[in-house]
């Protein structure tokens, strides 16, 4: 199997692979600019409105959130195995594992969509129709609404990134049918893996903040 073509601006394959990996890390670092303000906003809300944050958190579906966490961790394992298979030259096995990764990502989105629908039915979507059943005063309602504003913004942004990851996996599944230099090199799977693991880590941060923090107290 021939190796993918070396781009002319690089002196060696090691230099090219390092540049691609470094570029991906820079890109992922820039993605923190999207999630950072949301996490900071959550921290401010948690400090100033602990009662409202706890009440709002108890409206989230912890079972579905936990199941989705397990689904996403399993997908991360599949992605890691796909990278290992690609490194070993097992492109077909890597493609199958990438397809499974994309499928698990789709399962996550389906569960999340069902959860959003539940919250919309329960009038927990921020706006004129926001009516939590257990809110006792205007300040608590306002604090809970801010929580769900951050909740939908963070989970929606995460879902968008996951859709991009699923698209990358499906593209690689098709592209890996062709050997280099026409098809992608094995490092493409590793780069997709870095992105996928980033999306997983973001969820690992969001899950305890949105589903578990302050759930047992006011």
N, C-alpha and C. Protein backbone atom coordinates (compact mmCIF):
# COMPACT_ATOMS: atom_id res chain seq x y z
N UNK A 1 0.85 -1.18 0.00
CA UNK A 1 0.00 0.00 0.00
C UNK A 1 0.89 1.24 0.00
N UNK A 2 0.70 2.11 -0.98
CA UNK A 2 1.53 3.30 -1.08
C UNK A 2 1.11 4.34 -0.07
N UNK A 3 2.06 5.16 0.36
CA UNK A 3 1.78 6.20 1.33
C UNK A 3 1.15 7.39 0.65
N UNK A 4 0.37 8.20 1.37
CA UNK A 4 -0.20 9.40 0.78
C UNK A 4 0.89 10.38 0.38
N UNK A 5 0.56 11.21 -0.60
CA UNK A 5 1.55 12.13 -1.14
C UNK A 5 2.00 13.13 -0.09
N UNK A 6 3.30 13.47 -0.15
CA UNK A 6 3.87 14.46 0.75
C UNK A 6 3.64 15.84 0.15
N UNK A 7 3.03 16.72 0.93
CA UNK A 7 2.78 18.07 0.43
C UNK A 7 4.11 18.81 0.29
N UNK A 8 4.23 19.67 -0.76
CA UNK A 8 5.55 20.25 -1.10
C UNK A 8 6.12 21.17 -0.03
N UNK A 9 5.27 21.77 0.80
CA UNK A 9 5.79 22.71 1.80
C UNK A 9 6.45 22.02 2.99
N UNK A 10 6.39 20.69 3.06
CA UNK A 10 6.96 19.96 4.18
C UNK A 10 8.20 19.19 3.71
N UNK A 11 9.21 19.12 4.61
CA UNK A 11 10.43 18.43 4.26
C UNK A 11 10.39 16.94 4.51
N UNK A 12 9.48 16.49 5.37
CA UNK A 12 9.38 15.07 5.69
C UNK A 12 7.95 14.74 6.10
N UNK A 13 7.66 13.44 6.11
CA UNK A 13 6.32 13.02 6.52
C UNK A 13 6.07 13.31 8.00
N UNK A 14 7.10 13.15 8.83
CA UNK A 14 6.93 13.44 10.25
C UNK A 14 6.57 14.90 10.47
N UNK A 15 7.23 15.78 9.69
CA UNK A 15 6.93 17.21 9.81
C UNK A 15 5.50 17.51 9.36
N UNK A 16 5.05 16.86 8.31
CA UNK A 16 3.69 17.06 7.81
C UNK A 16 2.66 16.58 8.84
N UNK A 17 2.88 15.40 9.42
CA UNK A 17 1.95 14.86 10.40
C UNK A 17 1.91 15.74 11.65
N UNK A 18 3.09 16.25 12.06
CA UNK A 18 3.12 17.13 13.23
C UNK A 18 2.34 18.41 12.96
N UNK A 19 2.50 18.97 11.77
CA UNK A 19 1.80 20.21 11.43
C UNK A 19 0.29 20.00 11.44
N UNK A 20 -0.16 18.86 10.93
CA UNK A 20 -1.60 18.58 10.92
C UNK A 20 -2.13 18.41 12.34
N UNK A 21 -1.41 17.67 13.15
CA UNK A 21 -1.85 17.47 14.54
C UNK A 21 -1.85 18.79 15.31
N UNK A 22 -0.79 19.58 15.11
CA UNK A 22 -0.71 20.87 15.80
C UNK A 22 -1.85 21.79 15.36
N UNK A 23 -2.14 21.77 14.06
CA UNK A 23 -3.25 22.58 13.56
C UNK A 23 -4.57 22.18 14.16
N UNK A 24 -4.78 20.87 14.34
CA UNK A 24 -6.02 20.40 14.96
C UNK A 24 -6.10 20.84 16.41
N UNK A 25 -4.98 20.76 17.14
CA UNK A 25 -4.99 21.21 18.53
C UNK A 25 -5.27 22.70 18.65
N UNK A 26 -4.73 23.49 17.73
CA UNK A 26 -5.02 24.93 17.73
C UNK A 26 -6.50 25.16 17.45
N UNK A 27 -7.04 24.41 16.51
CA UNK A 27 -8.47 24.54 16.19
C UNK A 27 -9.34 24.18 17.39
N UNK A 28 -9.00 23.07 18.07
CA UNK A 28 -9.78 22.66 19.23
C UNK A 28 -9.68 23.68 20.36
N UNK A 29 -8.50 24.28 20.50
CA UNK A 29 -8.34 25.33 21.52
C UNK A 29 -9.24 26.52 21.22
N UNK A 30 -9.36 26.85 19.94
CA UNK A 30 -10.23 27.97 19.57
C UNK A 30 -11.70 27.64 19.82
N UNK A 31 -12.05 26.36 19.77
CA UNK A 31 -13.43 25.96 20.03
C UNK A 31 -13.83 26.23 21.47
N UNK A 32 -12.87 26.30 22.36
CA UNK A 32 -13.17 26.62 23.76
C UNK A 32 -13.77 28.01 23.91
N UNK A 33 -13.54 28.87 22.91
CA UNK A 33 -14.13 30.21 22.95
C UNK A 33 -15.64 30.16 22.84
N UNK A 34 -16.17 29.07 22.26
CA UNK A 34 -17.62 28.92 22.18
C UNK A 34 -18.20 28.47 23.52
N UNK A 35 -17.56 27.49 24.13
CA UNK A 35 -18.10 26.90 25.35
C UNK A 35 -17.69 27.67 26.61
N UNK A 36 -16.54 28.34 26.57
CA UNK A 36 -16.05 29.05 27.75
C UNK A 36 -17.04 30.06 28.31
N UNK A 37 -17.58 30.98 27.49
CA UNK A 37 -18.54 31.95 28.04
C UNK A 37 -19.78 31.30 28.64
N UNK A 38 -20.23 30.19 28.06
CA UNK A 38 -21.41 29.50 28.61
C UNK A 38 -21.10 28.91 29.98
N UNK A 39 -19.92 28.32 30.11
CA UNK A 39 -19.53 27.76 31.40
C UNK A 39 -19.32 28.86 32.44
N UNK A 40 -18.76 29.98 32.00
CA UNK A 40 -18.58 31.10 32.93
C UNK A 40 -19.94 31.65 33.37
N UNK A 41 -20.87 31.74 32.43
CA UNK A 41 -22.22 32.19 32.77
C UNK A 41 -22.89 31.26 33.76
N UNK A 42 -22.68 29.95 33.58
CA UNK A 42 -23.25 28.99 34.52
C UNK A 42 -22.65 29.19 35.91
N UNK A 43 -21.34 29.41 35.98
CA UNK A 43 -20.68 29.61 37.28
C UNK A 43 -21.24 30.84 38.00
N UNK A 44 -21.42 31.94 37.26
CA UNK A 44 -21.98 33.15 37.85
C UNK A 44 -23.39 32.90 38.36
N UNK A 45 -24.19 32.22 37.54
CA UNK A 45 -25.56 31.90 37.95
C UNK A 45 -25.58 31.00 39.17
N UNK A 46 -24.70 30.02 39.20
CA UNK A 46 -24.65 29.09 40.32
C UNK A 46 -24.28 29.80 41.62
N UNK A 47 -23.39 30.78 41.52
CA UNK A 47 -22.96 31.51 42.70
C UNK A 47 -24.03 32.47 43.21
N UNK A 48 -24.75 33.10 42.29
CA UNK A 48 -25.71 34.13 42.68
C UNK A 48 -27.13 33.60 42.89
N UNK A 49 -27.47 32.50 42.21
CA UNK A 49 -28.82 31.94 42.33
C UNK A 49 -28.74 30.42 42.58
N UNK A 50 -28.17 30.01 43.70
CA UNK A 50 -28.02 28.56 43.96
C UNK A 50 -29.37 27.85 44.09
N UNK A 51 -30.36 28.50 44.69
CA UNK A 51 -31.67 27.86 44.86
C UNK A 51 -32.32 27.61 43.50
N UNK A 52 -32.35 28.63 42.66
CA UNK A 52 -32.97 28.49 41.34
C UNK A 52 -32.20 27.48 40.48
N UNK A 53 -30.87 27.49 40.58
CA UNK A 53 -30.07 26.54 39.81
C UNK A 53 -30.36 25.11 40.22
N UNK A 54 -30.46 24.88 41.53
CA UNK A 54 -30.77 23.54 42.01
C UNK A 54 -32.15 23.09 41.58
N UNK A 55 -33.14 23.98 41.67
CA UNK A 55 -34.50 23.63 41.25
C UNK A 55 -34.56 23.33 39.76
N UNK A 56 -33.87 24.14 38.96
CA UNK A 56 -33.87 23.92 37.51
C UNK A 56 -33.16 22.62 37.16
N UNK A 57 -32.04 22.34 37.85
CA UNK A 57 -31.29 21.12 37.56
C UNK A 57 -32.14 19.87 37.80
N UNK A 58 -33.00 19.93 38.80
CA UNK A 58 -33.84 18.78 39.12
C UNK A 58 -34.92 18.54 38.08
N UNK A 59 -35.12 19.50 37.17
CA UNK A 59 -36.07 19.30 36.07
C UNK A 59 -35.44 18.56 34.89
N UNK A 60 -34.11 18.48 34.86
CA UNK A 60 -33.46 17.73 33.78
C UNK A 60 -33.64 16.24 34.04
N UNK A 61 -33.64 15.47 32.98
CA UNK A 61 -33.84 14.03 33.07
C UNK A 61 -32.49 13.34 33.29
N UNK A 62 -32.21 13.01 34.54
CA UNK A 62 -30.90 12.45 34.87
C UNK A 62 -30.70 11.08 34.22
N UNK A 63 -31.78 10.29 34.10
CA UNK A 63 -31.65 8.97 33.47
C UNK A 63 -31.21 9.09 32.02
N UNK A 64 -31.89 9.96 31.26
CA UNK A 64 -31.51 10.13 29.86
C UNK A 64 -30.12 10.74 29.73
N UNK A 65 -29.79 11.67 30.62
CA UNK A 65 -28.45 12.25 30.59
C UNK A 65 -27.38 11.22 30.87
N UNK A 66 -27.66 10.31 31.81
CA UNK A 66 -26.69 9.26 32.14
C UNK A 66 -26.54 8.26 31.01
N UNK A 67 -27.68 7.88 30.42
CA UNK A 67 -27.63 6.96 29.27
C UNK A 67 -26.83 7.58 28.13
N UNK A 68 -27.07 8.86 27.87
CA UNK A 68 -26.34 9.53 26.79
C UNK A 68 -24.85 9.62 27.09
N UNK A 69 -24.51 9.78 28.36
CA UNK A 69 -23.10 9.79 28.73
C UNK A 69 -22.44 8.45 28.42
N UNK A 70 -23.14 7.36 28.75
CA UNK A 70 -22.63 6.02 28.45
C UNK A 70 -22.50 5.80 26.95
N UNK A 71 -23.48 6.28 26.19
CA UNK A 71 -23.44 6.14 24.72
C UNK A 71 -22.23 6.88 24.16
N UNK A 72 -22.00 8.09 24.64
CA UNK A 72 -20.91 8.88 24.09
C UNK A 72 -19.55 8.32 24.50
N UNK A 73 -19.43 7.80 25.71
CA UNK A 73 -18.17 7.17 26.13
C UNK A 73 -17.89 5.92 25.30
N UNK A 74 -18.94 5.16 24.99
CA UNK A 74 -18.77 3.98 24.14
C UNK A 74 -18.32 4.39 22.75
N UNK A 75 -18.90 5.48 22.23
CA UNK A 75 -18.50 5.96 20.90
C UNK A 75 -17.04 6.39 20.91
N UNK A 76 -16.59 6.96 22.03
CA UNK A 76 -15.20 7.38 22.13
C UNK A 76 -14.26 6.18 22.10
N UNK A 77 -14.69 5.08 22.73
CA UNK A 77 -13.91 3.84 22.68
C UNK A 77 -13.82 3.33 21.25
N UNK A 78 -14.95 3.35 20.54
CA UNK A 78 -14.95 2.90 19.15
C UNK A 78 -14.04 3.77 18.28
N UNK A 79 -14.04 5.07 18.54
CA UNK A 79 -13.17 5.95 17.78
C UNK A 79 -11.70 5.66 18.07
N UNK A 80 -11.38 5.40 19.32
CA UNK A 80 -10.00 5.07 19.67
C UNK A 80 -9.57 3.77 18.98
N UNK A 81 -10.46 2.79 18.95
CA UNK A 81 -10.15 1.52 18.28
C UNK A 81 -10.00 1.73 16.78
N UNK A 82 -10.79 2.65 16.22
CA UNK A 82 -10.67 2.95 14.79
C UNK A 82 -9.31 3.55 14.49
N UNK A 83 -8.84 4.46 15.36
CA UNK A 83 -7.52 5.02 15.16
C UNK A 83 -6.43 3.98 15.24
N UNK A 84 -6.57 3.06 16.19
CA UNK A 84 -5.59 1.98 16.33
C UNK A 84 -5.59 1.09 15.09
N UNK A 85 -6.79 0.78 14.58
CA UNK A 85 -6.88 -0.05 13.38
C UNK A 85 -6.27 0.65 12.18
N UNK A 86 -6.49 1.95 12.06
CA UNK A 86 -5.92 2.70 10.93
C UNK A 86 -4.40 2.71 11.00
N UNK A 87 -3.86 2.87 12.21
CA UNK A 87 -2.40 2.85 12.37
C UNK A 87 -1.82 1.51 11.93
N UNK A 88 -2.59 0.43 12.17
CA UNK A 88 -2.12 -0.89 11.78
C UNK A 88 -2.41 -1.25 10.34
N UNK A 89 -2.94 -0.29 9.58
CA UNK A 89 -3.23 -0.54 8.17
C UNK A 89 -4.51 -1.30 7.92
N UNK A 90 -5.33 -1.51 8.97
CA UNK A 90 -6.60 -2.22 8.81
C UNK A 90 -7.71 -1.22 8.48
N UNK A 91 -7.71 -0.77 7.24
CA UNK A 91 -8.61 0.31 6.84
C UNK A 91 -10.08 -0.12 6.86
N UNK A 92 -10.36 -1.35 6.49
CA UNK A 92 -11.75 -1.81 6.50
C UNK A 92 -12.29 -1.89 7.93
N UNK A 93 -11.47 -2.40 8.83
CA UNK A 93 -11.88 -2.46 10.24
C UNK A 93 -12.07 -1.05 10.80
N UNK A 94 -11.17 -0.16 10.43
CA UNK A 94 -11.30 1.23 10.87
C UNK A 94 -12.60 1.84 10.36
N UNK A 95 -12.94 1.55 9.11
CA UNK A 95 -14.18 2.08 8.53
C UNK A 95 -15.40 1.56 9.28
N UNK A 96 -15.39 0.28 9.64
CA UNK A 96 -16.53 -0.29 10.38
C UNK A 96 -16.66 0.36 11.76
N UNK A 97 -15.54 0.57 12.41
CA UNK A 97 -15.57 1.20 13.73
C UNK A 97 -16.01 2.66 13.64
N UNK A 98 -15.61 3.33 12.59
CA UNK A 98 -16.05 4.71 12.38
C UNK A 98 -17.56 4.77 12.13
N UNK A 99 -18.06 3.79 11.37
CA UNK A 99 -19.51 3.74 11.14
C UNK A 99 -20.25 3.52 12.46
N UNK A 100 -19.71 2.65 13.32
CA UNK A 100 -20.33 2.42 14.62
C UNK A 100 -20.26 3.68 15.48
N UNK A 101 -19.14 4.39 15.40
CA UNK A 101 -19.01 5.65 16.14
C UNK A 101 -20.08 6.64 15.70
N UNK A 102 -20.26 6.78 14.39
CA UNK A 102 -21.28 7.69 13.86
C UNK A 102 -22.67 7.26 14.30
N UNK A 103 -22.93 5.96 14.30
CA UNK A 103 -24.24 5.45 14.72
C UNK A 103 -24.51 5.80 16.18
N UNK A 104 -23.53 5.61 17.03
CA UNK A 104 -23.70 5.95 18.45
C UNK A 104 -23.90 7.45 18.62
N UNK A 105 -23.22 8.24 17.81
CA UNK A 105 -23.44 9.68 17.85
C UNK A 105 -24.87 10.03 17.48
N UNK A 106 -25.42 9.33 16.47
CA UNK A 106 -26.81 9.56 16.07
C UNK A 106 -27.78 9.14 17.18
N UNK A 107 -27.45 8.05 17.87
CA UNK A 107 -28.28 7.61 19.00
C UNK A 107 -28.30 8.69 20.09
N UNK A 108 -27.14 9.26 20.37
CA UNK A 108 -27.05 10.34 21.34
C UNK A 108 -27.97 11.49 20.95
N UNK A 109 -27.92 11.89 19.68
CA UNK A 109 -28.74 13.01 19.23
C UNK A 109 -30.23 12.68 19.30
N UNK A 110 -30.59 11.44 19.01
CA UNK A 110 -31.99 11.04 19.09
C UNK A 110 -32.50 11.13 20.53
N UNK A 111 -31.70 10.64 21.46
CA UNK A 111 -32.08 10.71 22.88
C UNK A 111 -32.16 12.17 23.33
N UNK A 112 -31.20 12.96 22.89
CA UNK A 112 -31.19 14.37 23.28
C UNK A 112 -32.39 15.10 22.70
N UNK A 113 -32.75 14.76 21.47
CA UNK A 113 -33.93 15.36 20.86
C UNK A 113 -35.20 15.02 21.61
N UNK A 114 -35.30 13.77 22.06
CA UNK A 114 -36.46 13.36 22.87
C UNK A 114 -36.49 14.14 24.19
N UNK A 115 -35.34 14.33 24.77
CA UNK A 115 -35.26 15.08 26.03
C UNK A 115 -35.67 16.53 25.82
N UNK A 116 -35.20 17.15 24.75
CA UNK A 116 -35.61 18.52 24.44
C UNK A 116 -37.13 18.62 24.27
N UNK A 117 -37.69 17.62 23.60
CA UNK A 117 -39.14 17.64 23.38
C UNK A 117 -39.88 17.58 24.72
N UNK A 118 -39.40 16.71 25.63
CA UNK A 118 -40.01 16.63 26.96
C UNK A 118 -39.98 17.98 27.66
N UNK A 119 -38.84 18.64 27.58
CA UNK A 119 -38.69 19.92 28.27
C UNK A 119 -39.56 21.00 27.64
N UNK A 120 -39.74 20.92 26.33
CA UNK A 120 -40.62 21.89 25.66
C UNK A 120 -42.07 21.67 26.10
N UNK A 121 -42.47 20.41 26.20
CA UNK A 121 -43.84 20.09 26.63
C UNK A 121 -44.07 20.56 28.06
N UNK A 122 -43.03 20.48 28.89
CA UNK A 122 -43.15 20.90 30.29
C UNK A 122 -42.95 22.41 30.48
N UNK A 123 -42.95 23.15 29.36
CA UNK A 123 -42.84 24.62 29.38
C UNK A 123 -41.53 25.08 30.03
N UNK A 124 -40.44 24.38 29.72
CA UNK A 124 -39.15 24.73 30.27
C UNK A 124 -38.25 25.42 29.25
N UNK A 125 -38.79 25.69 28.07
CA UNK A 125 -38.01 26.41 27.06
C UNK A 125 -38.06 27.90 27.37
N UNK A 126 -36.90 28.58 27.45
CA UNK A 126 -36.90 30.01 27.82
C UNK A 126 -37.73 30.85 26.86
N UNK A 127 -38.45 31.79 27.42
CA UNK A 127 -39.29 32.67 26.61
C UNK A 127 -40.61 32.96 27.29
N UNK A 128 -41.56 33.44 26.50
CA UNK A 128 -42.85 33.84 27.06
C UNK A 128 -43.61 32.66 27.68
N UNK A 129 -43.37 31.46 27.16
CA UNK A 129 -44.10 30.29 27.66
C UNK A 129 -43.41 29.55 28.79
N UNK A 130 -42.32 30.11 29.33
CA UNK A 130 -41.58 29.43 30.39
C UNK A 130 -42.40 29.43 31.68
N UNK A 131 -42.82 28.22 32.12
CA UNK A 131 -43.66 28.12 33.31
C UNK A 131 -43.28 26.87 34.12
N UNK A 132 -42.22 26.91 34.90
CA UNK A 132 -41.87 25.77 35.76
C UNK A 132 -42.93 25.59 36.84
N UNK A 133 -43.30 24.35 37.07
CA UNK A 133 -44.42 24.07 37.98
C UNK A 133 -44.10 24.39 39.43
N UNK A 134 -42.82 24.32 39.83
CA UNK A 134 -42.49 24.46 41.25
C UNK A 134 -41.88 25.82 41.61
N UNK A 135 -41.87 26.77 40.67
CA UNK A 135 -41.30 28.09 40.97
C UNK A 135 -42.22 28.84 41.93
N UNK A 136 -41.64 29.50 42.92
CA UNK A 136 -42.44 30.15 43.97
C UNK A 136 -42.50 31.66 43.84
N UNK A 137 -41.55 32.27 43.17
CA UNK A 137 -41.55 33.73 43.04
C UNK A 137 -40.86 34.12 41.75
N UNK A 138 -40.96 35.41 41.41
CA UNK A 138 -40.44 35.90 40.13
C UNK A 138 -38.93 35.73 40.03
N UNK A 139 -38.21 35.94 41.13
CA UNK A 139 -36.75 35.81 41.09
C UNK A 139 -36.34 34.37 40.80
N UNK A 140 -37.04 33.42 41.44
CA UNK A 140 -36.72 32.02 41.18
C UNK A 140 -37.01 31.64 39.74
N UNK A 141 -38.16 32.12 39.23
CA UNK A 141 -38.50 31.85 37.83
C UNK A 141 -37.42 32.41 36.91
N UNK A 142 -36.97 33.62 37.19
CA UNK A 142 -35.94 34.24 36.36
C UNK A 142 -34.63 33.44 36.41
N UNK A 143 -34.24 33.01 37.61
CA UNK A 143 -33.02 32.22 37.74
C UNK A 143 -33.12 30.89 37.02
N UNK A 144 -34.29 30.23 37.12
CA UNK A 144 -34.49 28.96 36.43
C UNK A 144 -34.48 29.16 34.91
N UNK A 145 -35.05 30.26 34.47
CA UNK A 145 -35.07 30.53 33.03
C UNK A 145 -33.65 30.76 32.51
N UNK A 146 -32.83 31.46 33.29
CA UNK A 146 -31.43 31.65 32.89
C UNK A 146 -30.70 30.32 32.83
N UNK A 147 -30.98 29.44 33.79
CA UNK A 147 -30.36 28.11 33.77
C UNK A 147 -30.71 27.39 32.46
N UNK A 148 -31.99 27.39 32.10
CA UNK A 148 -32.39 26.66 30.89
C UNK A 148 -31.93 27.37 29.62
N UNK A 149 -31.73 28.69 29.69
CA UNK A 149 -31.14 29.38 28.55
C UNK A 149 -29.72 28.87 28.32
N UNK A 150 -28.94 28.76 29.40
CA UNK A 150 -27.59 28.21 29.29
C UNK A 150 -27.62 26.74 28.91
N UNK A 151 -28.58 26.01 29.45
CA UNK A 151 -28.72 24.58 29.17
C UNK A 151 -28.94 24.33 27.68
N UNK A 152 -29.92 25.02 27.11
CA UNK A 152 -30.23 24.80 25.69
C UNK A 152 -29.11 25.32 24.80
N UNK A 153 -28.47 26.42 25.19
CA UNK A 153 -27.36 26.94 24.39
C UNK A 153 -26.19 25.97 24.40
N UNK A 154 -25.84 25.45 25.58
CA UNK A 154 -24.67 24.56 25.69
C UNK A 154 -24.94 23.21 25.03
N UNK A 155 -26.10 22.61 25.30
CA UNK A 155 -26.39 21.30 24.71
C UNK A 155 -26.64 21.42 23.21
N UNK A 156 -27.23 22.55 22.78
CA UNK A 156 -27.42 22.74 21.34
C UNK A 156 -26.10 22.92 20.61
N UNK A 157 -25.18 23.70 21.20
CA UNK A 157 -23.86 23.88 20.59
C UNK A 157 -23.10 22.57 20.57
N UNK A 158 -23.24 21.79 21.65
CA UNK A 158 -22.59 20.49 21.68
C UNK A 158 -23.15 19.57 20.60
N UNK A 159 -24.48 19.59 20.43
CA UNK A 159 -25.11 18.76 19.40
C UNK A 159 -24.63 19.15 18.00
N UNK A 160 -24.44 20.45 17.77
CA UNK A 160 -23.94 20.91 16.48
C UNK A 160 -22.54 20.37 16.22
N UNK A 161 -21.68 20.42 17.23
CA UNK A 161 -20.33 19.88 17.08
C UNK A 161 -20.37 18.36 16.85
N UNK A 162 -21.30 17.70 17.52
CA UNK A 162 -21.42 16.25 17.33
C UNK A 162 -21.87 15.93 15.91
N UNK A 163 -22.77 16.74 15.35
CA UNK A 163 -23.19 16.53 13.95
C UNK A 163 -22.00 16.65 13.00
N UNK A 164 -21.13 17.62 13.27
CA UNK A 164 -19.92 17.77 12.45
C UNK A 164 -19.04 16.52 12.58
N UNK A 165 -18.90 16.02 13.82
CA UNK A 165 -18.11 14.80 14.03
C UNK A 165 -18.70 13.60 13.32
N UNK A 166 -20.02 13.47 13.34
CA UNK A 166 -20.68 12.37 12.64
C UNK A 166 -20.42 12.48 11.14
N UNK A 167 -20.52 13.70 10.61
CA UNK A 167 -20.24 13.90 9.19
C UNK A 167 -18.82 13.52 8.82
N UNK A 168 -17.86 13.86 9.69
CA UNK A 168 -16.46 13.50 9.43
C UNK A 168 -16.28 11.99 9.43
N UNK A 169 -16.95 11.31 10.38
CA UNK A 169 -16.85 9.85 10.43
C UNK A 169 -17.41 9.21 9.17
N UNK A 170 -18.57 9.67 8.72
CA UNK A 170 -19.20 9.09 7.53
C UNK A 170 -18.36 9.36 6.29
N UNK A 171 -17.75 10.55 6.22
CA UNK A 171 -16.88 10.83 5.09
C UNK A 171 -15.69 9.88 5.08
N UNK A 172 -15.11 9.63 6.25
CA UNK A 172 -13.97 8.73 6.32
C UNK A 172 -14.37 7.29 5.99
N UNK A 173 -15.58 6.89 6.39
CA UNK A 173 -16.05 5.54 6.06
C UNK A 173 -16.04 5.33 4.56
N UNK A 174 -16.50 6.34 3.81
CA UNK A 174 -16.52 6.24 2.35
C UNK A 174 -15.11 6.38 1.77
N UNK A 175 -14.33 7.31 2.33
CA UNK A 175 -13.02 7.60 1.76
C UNK A 175 -12.02 6.47 2.01
N UNK A 176 -12.17 5.75 3.10
CA UNK A 176 -11.21 4.68 3.42
C UNK A 176 -11.32 3.50 2.47
N UNK A 177 -12.34 3.48 1.64
CA UNK A 177 -12.44 2.42 0.64
C UNK A 177 -11.36 2.55 -0.43
N UNK A 178 -10.82 3.76 -0.55
CA UNK A 178 -9.76 4.00 -1.53
C UNK A 178 -8.42 4.08 -0.80
N UNK A 179 -7.44 3.42 -1.35
CA UNK A 179 -6.11 3.44 -0.73
C UNK A 179 -5.38 4.73 -1.08
N UNK A 180 -4.46 5.18 -0.23
CA UNK A 180 -3.61 6.33 -0.57
C UNK A 180 -2.86 6.04 -1.86
N UNK A 181 -2.51 7.04 -2.68
CA UNK A 181 -2.68 8.48 -2.41
C UNK A 181 -4.07 9.02 -2.72
N UNK A 182 -4.98 8.23 -3.33
CA UNK A 182 -6.31 8.75 -3.67
C UNK A 182 -7.16 8.89 -2.41
N UNK A 183 -7.07 7.91 -1.51
CA UNK A 183 -7.82 7.98 -0.28
C UNK A 183 -7.05 8.71 0.80
N UNK A 184 -7.69 8.98 1.94
CA UNK A 184 -7.01 9.69 3.02
C UNK A 184 -5.96 8.81 3.68
N UNK A 185 -4.94 9.44 4.24
CA UNK A 185 -3.96 8.70 5.01
C UNK A 185 -4.50 8.32 6.37
N UNK A 186 -3.79 7.44 7.06
CA UNK A 186 -4.26 6.98 8.36
C UNK A 186 -4.32 8.11 9.39
N UNK A 187 -3.50 9.16 9.18
CA UNK A 187 -3.51 10.27 10.13
C UNK A 187 -4.84 11.02 10.11
N UNK A 188 -5.60 10.88 9.03
CA UNK A 188 -6.91 11.54 8.97
C UNK A 188 -7.85 10.97 10.02
N UNK A 189 -7.76 9.67 10.27
CA UNK A 189 -8.58 9.04 11.31
C UNK A 189 -8.16 9.56 12.68
N UNK A 190 -6.87 9.72 12.88
CA UNK A 190 -6.38 10.24 14.16
C UNK A 190 -6.87 11.67 14.40
N UNK A 191 -6.87 12.50 13.37
CA UNK A 191 -7.34 13.87 13.51
C UNK A 191 -8.84 13.91 13.81
N UNK A 192 -9.60 13.06 13.12
CA UNK A 192 -11.03 12.97 13.41
C UNK A 192 -11.25 12.49 14.84
N UNK A 193 -10.38 11.59 15.29
CA UNK A 193 -10.47 11.10 16.66
C UNK A 193 -10.24 12.20 17.68
N UNK A 194 -9.27 13.07 17.41
CA UNK A 194 -9.02 14.19 18.31
C UNK A 194 -10.27 15.05 18.44
N UNK A 195 -10.92 15.33 17.33
CA UNK A 195 -12.13 16.16 17.35
C UNK A 195 -13.24 15.45 18.12
N UNK A 196 -13.42 14.16 17.86
CA UNK A 196 -14.49 13.41 18.52
C UNK A 196 -14.27 13.36 20.03
N UNK A 197 -13.05 13.13 20.45
CA UNK A 197 -12.75 13.08 21.88
C UNK A 197 -12.96 14.45 22.53
N UNK A 198 -12.68 15.51 21.79
CA UNK A 198 -12.95 16.85 22.31
C UNK A 198 -14.45 17.03 22.58
N UNK A 199 -15.27 16.60 21.64
CA UNK A 199 -16.72 16.71 21.82
C UNK A 199 -17.16 15.88 23.02
N UNK A 200 -16.57 14.71 23.21
CA UNK A 200 -16.90 13.87 24.36
C UNK A 200 -16.50 14.54 25.67
N UNK A 201 -15.32 15.14 25.70
CA UNK A 201 -14.86 15.79 26.92
C UNK A 201 -15.77 16.96 27.29
N UNK A 202 -16.23 17.69 26.28
CA UNK A 202 -17.16 18.79 26.55
C UNK A 202 -18.41 18.26 27.23
N UNK A 203 -18.94 17.14 26.75
CA UNK A 203 -20.14 16.57 27.37
C UNK A 203 -19.85 16.09 28.79
N UNK A 204 -18.68 15.52 29.01
CA UNK A 204 -18.31 15.06 30.35
C UNK A 204 -18.29 16.23 31.34
N UNK A 205 -17.97 17.42 30.84
CA UNK A 205 -18.01 18.62 31.69
C UNK A 205 -19.46 19.08 31.87
N UNK A 206 -20.24 19.06 30.80
CA UNK A 206 -21.62 19.56 30.88
C UNK A 206 -22.51 18.66 31.72
N UNK A 207 -22.30 17.36 31.64
CA UNK A 207 -23.20 16.41 32.31
C UNK A 207 -23.31 16.67 33.82
N UNK A 208 -22.22 16.73 34.57
CA UNK A 208 -22.39 16.98 36.02
C UNK A 208 -22.91 18.38 36.33
N UNK A 209 -22.54 19.37 35.51
CA UNK A 209 -22.99 20.73 35.78
C UNK A 209 -24.50 20.88 35.59
N UNK A 210 -25.01 20.26 34.53
CA UNK A 210 -26.42 20.45 34.19
C UNK A 210 -27.35 19.44 34.85
N UNK A 211 -26.83 18.24 35.10
CA UNK A 211 -27.70 17.16 35.60
C UNK A 211 -27.48 16.83 37.08
N UNK A 212 -26.28 17.01 37.57
CA UNK A 212 -25.96 16.51 38.91
C UNK A 212 -25.73 17.61 39.94
N UNK A 213 -25.12 18.72 39.54
CA UNK A 213 -24.79 19.76 40.50
C UNK A 213 -26.05 20.34 41.14
N UNK A 214 -26.03 20.43 42.47
CA UNK A 214 -27.13 21.01 43.25
C UNK A 214 -28.42 20.21 43.15
N UNK A 215 -28.32 18.96 42.68
CA UNK A 215 -29.56 18.20 42.52
C UNK A 215 -30.16 17.78 43.85
N UNK A 216 -29.32 17.61 44.84
CA UNK A 216 -29.82 17.13 46.14
C UNK A 216 -30.09 18.27 47.13
N UNK A 217 -29.75 19.48 46.71
CA UNK A 217 -29.95 20.59 47.64
C UNK A 217 -30.53 21.79 46.97
N UNK A 218 -30.86 22.80 47.76
CA UNK A 218 -31.45 24.00 47.21
C UNK A 218 -30.40 25.02 46.87
